Amino acid sequence: MELLTSMISVLRHGSSAFGAVAPATSVGGGRLAACLLMPKRHSGHSRWAKIRHSKGAADVKKGQIFASISKEILAATKEGGTDMKFNLRLAAAIKQAKQADMPKENVERAIKRAASKEYSNAESVVYEGLGPHGIAFMIECLTDNKNRAVKALRNKFNRMEGSMTSVGYMFEMKGCIWFTAGETGDSEDIMFEKAIEAGAEDIAELGDGRFEVTCEFNKLRVVTQQLSESSGYTIERMAGAYISTTSVDVNEEQAQELLAIIDDLEELDDVVKVYSNMA
């Protein structure tokens, strides 16, 4: 257990010696976190995650928060249906709506809209682009009119002197889970340990007691269930996410500019989520 605690400390505070983390394995009746010696995978947004999370908490108006959650509910419903027992992404989105004090009628309206004739032909589409400071963007959309979505995005990229071009080779699809200790009262060390045991590859602190876990995309449901059902943690968001394999360092001024661009892109009606490779 002392070795496990030591390894968790390394994971939390950083070390050039350790990279991705494998699930814990049983050794002599105890638990040992197996750390693989390999180049660390850059998450592409972890360095600025706290800034954006704090910005969202402090500056974004309720209307923008509700609009963002509504889009997530729409995407989750189109992806997995309306039964939250089987659609964990939808269940997480509705929990997020409750925590944001989003009116129940807004939630119901988003779910009904996803099942309506208006959205019967809606498709999930991902567009790619290159923006300022050499930053690549992957843009997840849910749209019933691809021409409209492309036109709106091209206008945005033209204004930022960027271009819509192929950058997908810089990213890989991973599972992404936001969670808190809920009512368990677990310490951060215990949460890190349980996340590793559940199958987490990367863990980042977002502030306010929130953590972000990334895992293999095909293990997203299993890891989410392990964290929520076995560990008793509160899942705030779970979905596939485009994580960069090639990241670009930016300074604080550039990061603020890029975060504003991401916010601007996510305000477009067809855009669900924007991912970048800034580090």
C-alpha atoms as a PDB file:
ATOM      1  CA  MET A   1       0.000   0.000   0.000  1.00  0.00           C
ATOM      2  CA  GLU A   2       2.935   2.333   0.698  1.00  0.00           C
ATOM      3  CA  LEU A   3       4.217   1.690  -2.809  1.00  0.00           C
ATOM      4  CA  LEU A   4       0.762   2.387  -4.248  1.00  0.00           C
ATOM      5  CA  THR A   5       0.497   5.657  -2.316  1.00  0.00           C
ATOM      6  CA  SER A   6       3.947   6.654  -3.562  1.00  0.00           C
ATOM      7  CA  MET A   7       2.981   5.935  -7.162  1.00  0.00           C
ATOM      8  CA  ILE A   8      -0.273   7.874  -6.816  1.00  0.00           C
ATOM      9  CA  SER A   9       1.720  10.823  -5.468  1.00  0.00           C
ATOM     10  CA  VAL A  10       3.961  10.665  -8.543  1.00  0.00           C
ATOM     11  CA  LEU A  11       0.902  10.631 -10.804  1.00  0.00           C
ATOM     12  CA  ARG A  12      -0.665  13.612  -9.044  1.00  0.00           C
ATOM     13  CA  HIS A  13       2.432  15.800  -8.865  1.00  0.00           C
ATOM     14  CA  GLY A  14       4.125  14.703 -12.061  1.00  0.00           C
ATOM     15  CA  SER A  15       7.316  12.883 -12.974  1.00  0.00           C
ATOM     16  CA  SER A  16       9.269  12.541 -16.206  1.00  0.00           C
ATOM     17  CA  ALA A  17       9.828   8.886 -15.369  1.00  0.00           C
ATOM     18  CA  PHE A  18       6.225   7.745 -15.509  1.00  0.00           C
ATOM     19  CA  GLY A  19       3.726   7.927 -18.325  1.00  0.00           C
ATOM     20  CA  ALA A  20       0.385   6.197 -18.904  1.00  0.00           C
ATOM     21  CA  VAL A  21      -1.118   4.140 -16.104  1.00  0.00           C
ATOM     22  CA  ALA A  22      -2.408   0.584 -16.337  1.00  0.00           C
ATOM     23  CA  PRO A  23      -5.175  -0.840 -14.134  1.00  0.00           C
ATOM     24  CA  ALA A  24      -4.082  -2.134 -10.740  1.00  0.00           C
ATOM     25  CA  THR A  25      -3.183  -5.806 -10.431  1.00  0.00           C
ATOM     26  CA  SER A  26      -3.404  -8.123  -7.441  1.00  0.00           C
ATOM     27  CA  VAL A  27      -0.142  -9.024  -5.751  1.00  0.00           C
ATOM     28  CA  GLY A  28      -0.114 -11.174  -2.587  1.00  0.00           C
ATOM     29  CA  GLY A  29      -3.661 -10.191  -1.628  1.00  0.00           C
ATOM     30  CA  GLY A  30      -2.872  -6.454  -1.969  1.00  0.00           C
ATOM     31  CA  ARG A  31      -3.317  -3.946  -4.772  1.00  0.00           C
ATOM     32  CA  LEU A  32      -0.385  -2.675  -6.818  1.00  0.00           C
ATOM     33  CA  ALA A  33      -0.767   0.156  -9.361  1.00  0.00           C
ATOM     34  CA  ALA A  34       1.257  -0.817 -12.408  1.00  0.00           C
ATOM     35  CA  CYS A  35       2.877   2.217 -14.025  1.00  0.00           C
ATOM     36  CA  LEU A  36       4.216   1.713 -17.526  1.00  0.00           C
ATOM     37  CA  LEU A  37       7.500   3.349 -18.517  1.00  0.00           C
ATOM     38  CA  MET A  38       6.525   5.033 -21.762  1.00  0.00           C
ATOM     39  CA  PRO A  39       6.401   8.602 -23.137  1.00  0.00           C
ATOM     40  CA  LYS A  40       3.667  10.552 -21.405  1.00  0.00           C
ATOM     41  CA  ARG A  41       0.578  11.091 -23.564  1.00  0.00           C
ATOM     42  CA  HIS A  42      -0.347  14.760 -23.697  1.00  0.00           C
ATOM     43  CA  SER A  43      -4.031  15.378 -23.086  1.00  0.00           C
ATOM     44  CA  GLY A  44      -3.849  18.646 -25.049  1.00  0.00           C
ATOM     45  CA  HIS A  45      -6.000  20.642 -22.671  1.00  0.00           C
ATOM     46  CA  SER A  46      -4.976  19.599 -19.174  1.00  0.00           C
ATOM     47  CA  ARG A  47      -2.724  22.607 -18.532  1.00  0.00           C
ATOM     48  CA  TRP A  48      -5.548  25.063 -19.168  1.00  0.00           C
ATOM     49  CA  ALA A  49      -8.454  22.910 -17.955  1.00  0.00           C
ATOM     50  CA  LYS A  50      -8.638  24.718 -14.612  1.00  0.00           C
ATOM     51  CA  ILE A  51      -8.634  28.139 -16.283  1.00  0.00           C
ATOM     52  CA  ARG A  52     -11.516  27.229 -18.544  1.00  0.00           C
ATOM     53  CA  HIS A  53     -13.401  25.441 -15.770  1.00  0.00           C
ATOM     54  CA  SER A  54     -13.034  28.481 -13.478  1.00  0.00           C
ATOM     55  CA  LYS A  55     -13.988  30.794 -16.311  1.00  0.00           C
ATOM     56  CA  GLY A  56     -17.108  28.753 -16.918  1.00  0.00           C
ATOM     57  CA  ALA A  57     -18.023  28.902 -13.253  1.00  0.00           C
ATOM     58  CA  ALA A  58     -17.378  32.605 -12.836  1.00  0.00           C
ATOM     59  CA  ASP A  59     -18.053  34.351 -16.144  1.00  0.00           C
ATOM     60  CA  VAL A  60     -20.401  32.366 -18.348  1.00  0.00           C
ATOM     61  CA  LYS A  61     -24.039  33.392 -18.157  1.00  0.00           C
ATOM     62  CA  LYS A  62     -26.649  30.834 -17.168  1.00  0.00           C
ATOM     63  CA  GLY A  63     -28.165  30.981 -20.641  1.00  0.00           C
ATOM     64  CA  GLN A  64     -24.865  29.885 -22.210  1.00  0.00           C
ATOM     65  CA  ILE A  65     -24.468  27.099 -19.664  1.00  0.00           C
ATOM     66  CA  PHE A  66     -28.002  25.862 -20.351  1.00  0.00           C
ATOM     67  CA  ALA A  67     -27.396  25.999 -24.108  1.00  0.00           C
ATOM     68  CA  SER A  68     -24.218  23.936 -23.746  1.00  0.00           C
ATOM     69  CA  ILE A  69     -25.942  21.336 -21.565  1.00  0.00           C
ATOM     70  CA  SER A  70     -28.912  21.188 -23.958  1.00  0.00           C
ATOM     71  CA  LYS A  71     -26.540  20.371 -26.815  1.00  0.00           C
ATOM     72  CA  GLU A  72     -24.964  17.609 -24.757  1.00  0.00           C
ATOM     73  CA  ILE A  73     -28.424  16.197 -23.963  1.00  0.00           C
ATOM     74  CA  LEU A  74     -29.338  16.325 -27.666  1.00  0.00           C
ATOM     75  CA  ALA A  75     -26.131  14.547 -28.689  1.00  0.00           C
ATOM     76  CA  ALA A  76     -26.437  11.956 -25.913  1.00  0.00           C
ATOM     77  CA  THR A  77     -30.079  11.194 -26.788  1.00  0.00           C
ATOM     78  CA  LYS A  78     -29.341  10.846 -30.507  1.00  0.00           C
ATOM     79  CA  GLU A  79     -26.400   8.587 -29.693  1.00  0.00           C
ATOM     80  CA  GLY A  80     -27.973   6.259 -27.118  1.00  0.00           C
ATOM     81  CA  GLY A  81     -31.710   6.848 -26.764  1.00  0.00           C
ATOM     82  CA  THR A  82     -33.744   8.156 -23.823  1.00  0.00           C
ATOM     83  CA  ASP A  83     -33.322   5.325 -21.297  1.00  0.00           C
ATOM     84  CA  MET A  84     -30.770   6.547 -18.757  1.00  0.00           C
ATOM     85  CA  LYS A  85     -30.192   3.017 -17.445  1.00  0.00           C
ATOM     86  CA  PHE A  86     -28.479   2.228 -20.730  1.00  0.00           C
ATOM     87  CA  ASN A  87     -27.433   5.723 -21.813  1.00  0.00           C
ATOM     88  CA  LEU A  88     -24.843   6.796 -19.247  1.00  0.00           C
ATOM     89  CA  ARG A  89     -23.889   9.861 -21.286  1.00  0.00           C
ATOM     90  CA  LEU A  90     -27.470  11.127 -21.057  1.00  0.00           C
ATOM     91  CA  ALA A  91     -27.635  10.342 -17.332  1.00  0.00           C
ATOM     92  CA  ALA A  92     -24.447  12.370 -16.764  1.00  0.00           C
ATOM     93  CA  ALA A  93     -25.781  15.279 -18.844  1.00  0.00           C
ATOM     94  CA  ILE A  94     -29.014  15.387 -16.831  1.00  0.00           C
ATOM     95  CA  LYS A  95     -27.044  15.343 -13.557  1.00  0.00           C
ATOM     96  CA  GLN A  96     -25.037  18.259 -14.890  1.00  0.00           C
ATOM     97  CA  ALA A  97     -28.288  20.066 -15.730  1.00  0.00           C
ATOM     98  CA  LYS A  98     -29.584  19.568 -12.182  1.00  0.00           C
ATOM     99  CA  GLN A  99     -26.351  20.863 -10.664  1.00  0.00           C
ATOM    100  CA  ALA A 100     -26.597  23.962 -12.864  1.00  0.00           C
ATOM    101  CA  ASP A 101     -30.221  24.505 -11.724  1.00  0.00           C
ATOM    102  CA  MET A 102     -31.415  24.086 -15.285  1.00  0.00           C
ATOM    103  CA  PRO A 103     -35.245  24.042 -15.345  1.00  0.00           C
ATOM    104  CA  LYS A 104     -36.774  20.596 -15.761  1.00  0.00           C
ATOM    105  CA  GLU A 105     -38.801  21.786 -18.749  1.00  0.00           C
ATOM    106  CA  ASN A 106     -35.559  22.750 -20.555  1.00  0.00           C
ATOM    107  CA  VAL A 107     -34.220  19.225 -20.063  1.00  0.00           C
ATOM    108  CA  GLU A 108     -37.450  17.638 -21.271  1.00  0.00           C
ATOM    109  CA  ARG A 109     -37.540  19.991 -24.258  1.00  0.00           C
ATOM    110  CA  ALA A 110     -34.014  18.970 -25.307  1.00  0.00           C
ATOM    111  CA  ILE A 111     -34.837  15.252 -25.065  1.00  0.00           C
ATOM    112  CA  LYS A 112     -38.073  15.699 -27.031  1.00  0.00           C
ATOM    113  CA  ARG A 113     -36.250  17.764 -29.624  1.00  0.00           C
ATOM    114  CA  ALA A 114     -33.724  14.983 -30.194  1.00  0.00           C
ATOM    115  CA  ALA A 115     -36.578  12.561 -30.891  1.00  0.00           C
ATOM    116  CA  SER A 116     -38.577  15.031 -33.009  1.00  0.00           C
ATOM    117  CA  LYS A 117     -39.076  15.043 -36.767  1.00  0.00           C
ATOM    118  CA  GLU A 118     -36.873  18.134 -36.911  1.00  0.00           C
ATOM    119  CA  TYR A 119     -33.895  16.077 -35.744  1.00  0.00           C
ATOM    120  CA  SER A 120     -34.809  12.788 -37.398  1.00  0.00           C
ATOM    121  CA  ASN A 121     -32.107  13.357 -40.018  1.00  0.00           C
ATOM    122  CA  ALA A 122     -29.563  14.931 -37.668  1.00  0.00           C
ATOM    123  CA  GLU A 123     -26.091  13.424 -37.884  1.00  0.00           C
ATOM    124  CA  SER A 124     -23.022  13.518 -35.691  1.00  0.00           C
ATOM    125  CA  VAL A 125     -20.204  14.977 -37.752  1.00  0.00           C
ATOM    126  CA  VAL A 126     -16.647  15.988 -36.849  1.00  0.00           C
ATOM    127  CA  TYR A 127     -14.919  18.866 -38.642  1.00  0.00           C
ATOM    128  CA  GLU A 128     -11.235  19.729 -38.457  1.00  0.00           C
ATOM    129  CA  GLY A 129      -9.308  22.967 -38.645  1.00  0.00           C
ATOM    130  CA  LEU A 130      -6.120  24.874 -37.897  1.00  0.00           C
ATOM    131  CA  GLY A 131      -6.255  28.134 -35.929  1.00  0.00           C
ATOM    132  CA  PRO A 132      -3.898  30.771 -34.495  1.00  0.00           C
ATOM    133  CA  HIS A 133      -0.496  29.783 -33.050  1.00  0.00           C
ATOM    134  CA  GLY A 134      -0.572  26.489 -34.949  1.00  0.00           C
ATOM    135  CA  ILE A 135      -3.362  25.073 -32.785  1.00  0.00           C
ATOM    136  CA  ALA A 136      -5.438  22.240 -34.256  1.00  0.00           C
ATOM    137  CA  PHE A 137      -9.172  21.885 -33.575  1.00  0.00           C
ATOM    138  CA  MET A 138     -11.541  18.930 -33.720  1.00  0.00           C
ATOM    139  CA  ILE A 139     -15.147  20.141 -33.726  1.00  0.00           C
ATOM    140  CA  GLU A 140     -17.965  17.740 -32.812  1.00  0.00           C
ATOM    141  CA  CYS A 141     -21.284  18.738 -34.384  1.00  0.00           C
ATOM    142  CA  LEU A 142     -24.852  17.478 -34.400  1.00  0.00           C
ATOM    143  CA  THR A 143     -26.581  18.869 -37.459  1.00  0.00           C
ATOM    144  CA  ASP A 144     -29.420  18.270 -39.876  1.00  0.00           C
ATOM    145  CA  ASN A 145     -27.772  20.569 -42.437  1.00  0.00           C
ATOM    146  CA  LYS A 146     -24.084  19.954 -43.135  1.00  0.00           C
ATOM    147  CA  ASN A 147     -23.850  22.848 -45.595  1.00  0.00           C
ATOM    148  CA  ARG A 148     -25.037  25.261 -42.905  1.00  0.00           C
ATOM    149  CA  ALA A 149     -22.607  23.857 -40.357  1.00  0.00           C
ATOM    150  CA  VAL A 150     -19.621  24.022 -42.728  1.00  0.00           C
ATOM    151  CA  LYS A 151     -20.452  27.568 -43.821  1.00  0.00           C
ATOM    152  CA  ALA A 152     -20.694  28.819 -40.238  1.00  0.00           C
ATOM    153  CA  LEU A 153     -17.428  27.128 -39.256  1.00  0.00           C
ATOM    154  CA  ARG A 154     -15.570  28.355 -42.347  1.00  0.00           C
ATOM    155  CA  ASN A 155     -16.614  31.926 -41.519  1.00  0.00           C
ATOM    156  CA  LYS A 156     -15.222  31.523 -38.005  1.00  0.00           C
ATOM    157  CA  PHE A 157     -11.907  30.113 -39.263  1.00  0.00           C
ATOM    158  CA  ASN A 158     -11.575  32.873 -41.873  1.00  0.00           C
ATOM    159  CA  ARG A 159     -12.026  35.509 -39.163  1.00  0.00           C
ATOM    160  CA  MET A 160      -9.282  33.943 -37.025  1.00  0.00           C
ATOM    161  CA  GLU A 161      -7.055  33.648 -40.140  1.00  0.00           C
ATOM    162  CA  GLY A 162      -7.154  29.888 -39.859  1.00  0.00           C
ATOM    163  CA  SER A 163      -8.377  27.189 -42.207  1.00  0.00           C
ATOM    164  CA  MET A 164     -10.518  24.081 -42.254  1.00  0.00           C
ATOM    165  CA  THR A 165      -7.980  21.394 -42.996  1.00  0.00           C
ATOM    166  CA  SER A 166      -7.161  17.840 -41.953  1.00  0.00           C
ATOM    167  CA  VAL A 167      -5.662  17.609 -38.458  1.00  0.00           C
ATOM    168  CA  GLY A 168      -7.250  14.365 -37.266  1.00  0.00           C
ATOM    169  CA  TYR A 169      -3.891  12.569 -37.347  1.00  0.00           C
ATOM    170  CA  MET A 170      -2.887  14.709 -34.332  1.00  0.00           C
ATOM    171  CA  PHE A 171      -5.668  13.257 -32.156  1.00  0.00           C
ATOM    172  CA  GLU A 172      -7.005   9.935 -30.919  1.00  0.00           C
ATOM    173  CA  MET A 173     -10.462   9.078 -29.613  1.00  0.00           C
ATOM    174  CA  LYS A 174     -10.532   8.390 -25.880  1.00  0.00           C
ATOM    175  CA  GLY A 175     -13.170   8.096 -23.178  1.00  0.00           C
ATOM    176  CA  CYS A 176     -13.457  11.182 -20.963  1.00  0.00           C
ATOM    177  CA  ILE A 177     -15.187  11.220 -17.557  1.00  0.00           C
ATOM    178  CA  TRP A 178     -15.705  14.114 -15.137  1.00  0.00           C
ATOM    179  CA  PHE A 179     -16.506  13.035 -11.591  1.00  0.00           C
ATOM    180  CA  THR A 180     -16.528  14.097  -7.935  1.00  0.00           C
ATOM    181  CA  ALA A 181     -16.376  12.185  -4.656  1.00  0.00           C
ATOM    182  CA  GLY A 182     -20.136  12.650  -4.234  1.00  0.00           C
ATOM    183  CA  GLU A 183     -21.218  11.601  -0.756  1.00  0.00           C
ATOM    184  CA  THR A 184     -18.346   9.124  -0.223  1.00  0.00           C
ATOM    185  CA  GLY A 185     -16.052  11.587   1.528  1.00  0.00           C
ATOM    186  CA  ASP A 186     -13.051   9.911  -0.131  1.00  0.00           C
ATOM    187  CA  SER A 187      -9.748  11.753  -0.108  1.00  0.00           C
ATOM    188  CA  GLU A 188      -8.019  12.695  -3.345  1.00  0.00           C
ATOM    189  CA  ASP A 189      -5.486   9.879  -2.895  1.00  0.00           C
ATOM    190  CA  ILE A 190      -8.249   7.289  -2.571  1.00  0.00           C
ATOM    191  CA  MET A 191     -10.054   8.743  -5.603  1.00  0.00           C
ATOM    192  CA  PHE A 192      -6.865   8.500  -7.659  1.00  0.00           C
ATOM    193  CA  GLU A 193      -6.325   4.911  -6.504  1.00  0.00           C
ATOM    194  CA  LYS A 194      -9.869   3.853  -7.395  1.00  0.00           C
ATOM    195  CA  ALA A 195      -9.712   5.627 -10.751  1.00  0.00           C
ATOM    196  CA  ILE A 196      -6.537   3.721 -11.604  1.00  0.00           C
ATOM    197  CA  GLU A 197      -8.161   0.451 -10.543  1.00  0.00           C
ATOM    198  CA  ALA A 198     -11.169   1.278 -12.719  1.00  0.00           C
ATOM    199  CA  GLY A 199      -8.959   1.586 -15.798  1.00  0.00           C
ATOM    200  CA  ALA A 200      -7.948   5.256 -15.981  1.00  0.00           C
ATOM    201  CA  GLU A 201      -4.993   6.150 -18.202  1.00  0.00           C
ATOM    202  CA  ASP A 202      -4.736   9.823 -17.240  1.00  0.00           C
ATOM    203  CA  ILE A 203      -6.181  11.753 -14.299  1.00  0.00           C
ATOM    204  CA  ALA A 204      -6.341  15.549 -14.004  1.00  0.00           C
ATOM    205  CA  GLU A 205      -7.637  17.790 -11.223  1.00  0.00           C
ATOM    206  CA  LEU A 206     -10.103  20.386 -12.498  1.00  0.00           C
ATOM    207  CA  GLY A 207     -10.571  22.199  -9.191  1.00  0.00           C
ATOM    208  CA  ASP A 208     -13.624  22.404  -6.938  1.00  0.00           C
ATOM    209  CA  GLY A 209     -13.229  18.709  -6.101  1.00  0.00           C
ATOM    210  CA  ARG A 210     -13.677  17.666  -9.723  1.00  0.00           C
ATOM    211  CA  PHE A 211     -11.474  15.221 -11.595  1.00  0.00           C
ATOM    212  CA  GLU A 212     -11.150  14.286 -15.229  1.00  0.00           C
ATOM    213  CA  VAL A 213     -10.266  10.732 -16.226  1.00  0.00           C
ATOM    214  CA  THR A 214      -9.337   9.546 -19.683  1.00  0.00           C
ATOM    215  CA  CYS A 215      -9.458   5.882 -20.679  1.00  0.00           C
ATOM    216  CA  GLU A 216      -9.623   3.690 -23.741  1.00  0.00           C
ATOM    217  CA  PHE A 217     -12.752   4.650 -25.684  1.00  0.00           C
ATOM    218  CA  ASN A 218     -14.042   1.068 -25.786  1.00  0.00           C
ATOM    219  CA  LYS A 219     -13.797   0.930 -21.969  1.00  0.00           C
ATOM    220  CA  LEU A 220     -15.703   4.163 -21.348  1.00  0.00           C
ATOM    221  CA  ARG A 221     -18.915   2.516 -20.159  1.00  0.00           C
ATOM    222  CA  VAL A 222     -17.092   0.001 -17.948  1.00  0.00           C
ATOM    223  CA  VAL A 223     -14.886   2.641 -16.288  1.00  0.00           C
ATOM    224  CA  THR A 224     -17.893   4.943 -15.770  1.00  0.00           C
ATOM    225  CA  GLN A 225     -19.892   2.159 -14.118  1.00  0.00           C
ATOM    226  CA  GLN A 226     -16.925   1.247 -11.924  1.00  0.00           C
ATOM    227  CA  LEU A 227     -16.569   4.842 -10.715  1.00  0.00           C
ATOM    228  CA  SER A 228     -20.292   5.438 -10.199  1.00  0.00           C
ATOM    229  CA  GLU A 229     -21.641   2.079  -9.019  1.00  0.00           C
ATOM    230  CA  SER A 230     -18.652   0.417  -7.345  1.00  0.00           C
ATOM    231  CA  SER A 231     -16.946   3.526  -5.952  1.00  0.00           C
ATOM    232  CA  GLY A 232     -20.073   5.638  -5.397  1.00  0.00           C
ATOM    233  CA  TYR A 233     -18.741   8.723  -7.187  1.00  0.00           C
ATOM    234  CA  THR A 234     -20.904  11.324  -8.933  1.00  0.00           C
ATOM    235  CA  ILE A 235     -20.433  11.344 -12.704  1.00  0.00           C
ATOM    236  CA  GLU A 236     -20.856  14.813 -14.182  1.00  0.00           C
ATOM    237  CA  ARG A 237     -19.909  14.096 -17.774  1.00  0.00           C
ATOM    238  CA  MET A 238     -18.925  11.063 -19.802  1.00  0.00           C
ATOM    239  CA  ALA A 239     -18.365  10.955 -23.536  1.00  0.00           C
ATOM    240  CA  GLY A 240     -15.869  10.207 -26.231  1.00  0.00           C
ATOM    241  CA  ALA A 241     -13.230  12.917 -26.548  1.00  0.00           C
ATOM    242  CA  TYR A 242     -10.543  13.755 -29.083  1.00  0.00           C
ATOM    243  CA  ILE A 243      -7.254  13.811 -27.159  1.00  0.00           C
ATOM    244  CA  SER A 244      -4.172  15.193 -28.863  1.00  0.00           C
ATOM    245  CA  THR A 245      -1.082  13.084 -29.465  1.00  0.00           C
ATOM    246  CA  THR A 246       0.872  16.121 -30.702  1.00  0.00           C
ATOM    247  CA  SER A 247       0.494  19.170 -28.486  1.00  0.00           C
ATOM    248  CA  VAL A 248       1.595  22.793 -28.902  1.00  0.00           C
ATOM    249  CA  ASP A 249       2.815  24.894 -25.977  1.00  0.00           C
ATOM    250  CA  VAL A 250       1.154  28.300 -25.606  1.00  0.00           C
ATOM    251  CA  ASN A 251       1.626  31.097 -23.089  1.00  0.00           C
ATOM    252  CA  GLU A 252      -1.149  32.457 -20.902  1.00  0.00           C
ATOM    253  CA  GLU A 253      -2.059  35.306 -23.253  1.00  0.00           C
ATOM    254  CA  GLN A 254      -2.316  32.933 -26.211  1.00  0.00           C
ATOM    255  CA  ALA A 255      -4.301  30.458 -24.108  1.00  0.00           C
ATOM    256  CA  GLN A 256      -6.864  33.123 -23.192  1.00  0.00           C
ATOM    257  CA  GLU A 257      -7.223  34.006 -26.884  1.00  0.00           C
ATOM    258  CA  LEU A 258      -7.683  30.362 -27.838  1.00  0.00           C
ATOM    259  CA  LEU A 259     -10.166  29.664 -25.034  1.00  0.00           C
ATOM    260  CA  ALA A 260     -12.234  32.618 -26.291  1.00  0.00           C
ATOM    261  CA  ILE A 261     -12.139  31.089 -29.784  1.00  0.00           C
ATOM    262  CA  ILE A 262     -13.335  27.742 -28.414  1.00  0.00           C
ATOM    263  CA  ASP A 263     -16.184  29.474 -26.560  1.00  0.00           C
ATOM    264  CA  ASP A 264     -17.104  31.324 -29.770  1.00  0.00           C
ATOM    265  CA  LEU A 265     -17.142  28.100 -31.799  1.00  0.00           C
ATOM    266  CA  GLU A 266     -19.235  26.291 -29.188  1.00  0.00           C
ATOM    267  CA  GLU A 267     -21.884  29.012 -29.376  1.00  0.00           C
ATOM    268  CA  LEU A 268     -22.721  27.925 -32.930  1.00  0.00           C
ATOM    269  CA  ASP A 269     -26.041  26.054 -33.006  1.00  0.00           C
ATOM    270  CA  ASP A 270     -24.628  22.917 -34.624  1.00  0.00           C
ATOM    271  CA  VAL A 271     -21.487  22.636 -32.477  1.00  0.00           C
ATOM    272  CA  VAL A 272     -21.568  20.299 -29.478  1.00  0.00           C
ATOM    273  CA  LYS A 273     -17.939  20.294 -28.331  1.00  0.00           C
ATOM    274  CA  VAL A 274     -14.556  21.649 -29.453  1.00  0.00           C
ATOM    275  CA  TYR A 275     -11.220  19.958 -28.769  1.00  0.00           C
ATOM    276  CA  SER A 276      -7.744  21.409 -29.311  1.00  0.00           C
ATOM    277  CA  ASN A 277      -4.105  20.391 -28.995  1.00  0.00           C
ATOM    278  CA  MET A 278      -2.858  23.348 -26.947  1.00  0.00           C
ATOM    279  CA  ALA A 279      -0.728  22.331 -24.002  1.00  0.00           C
END
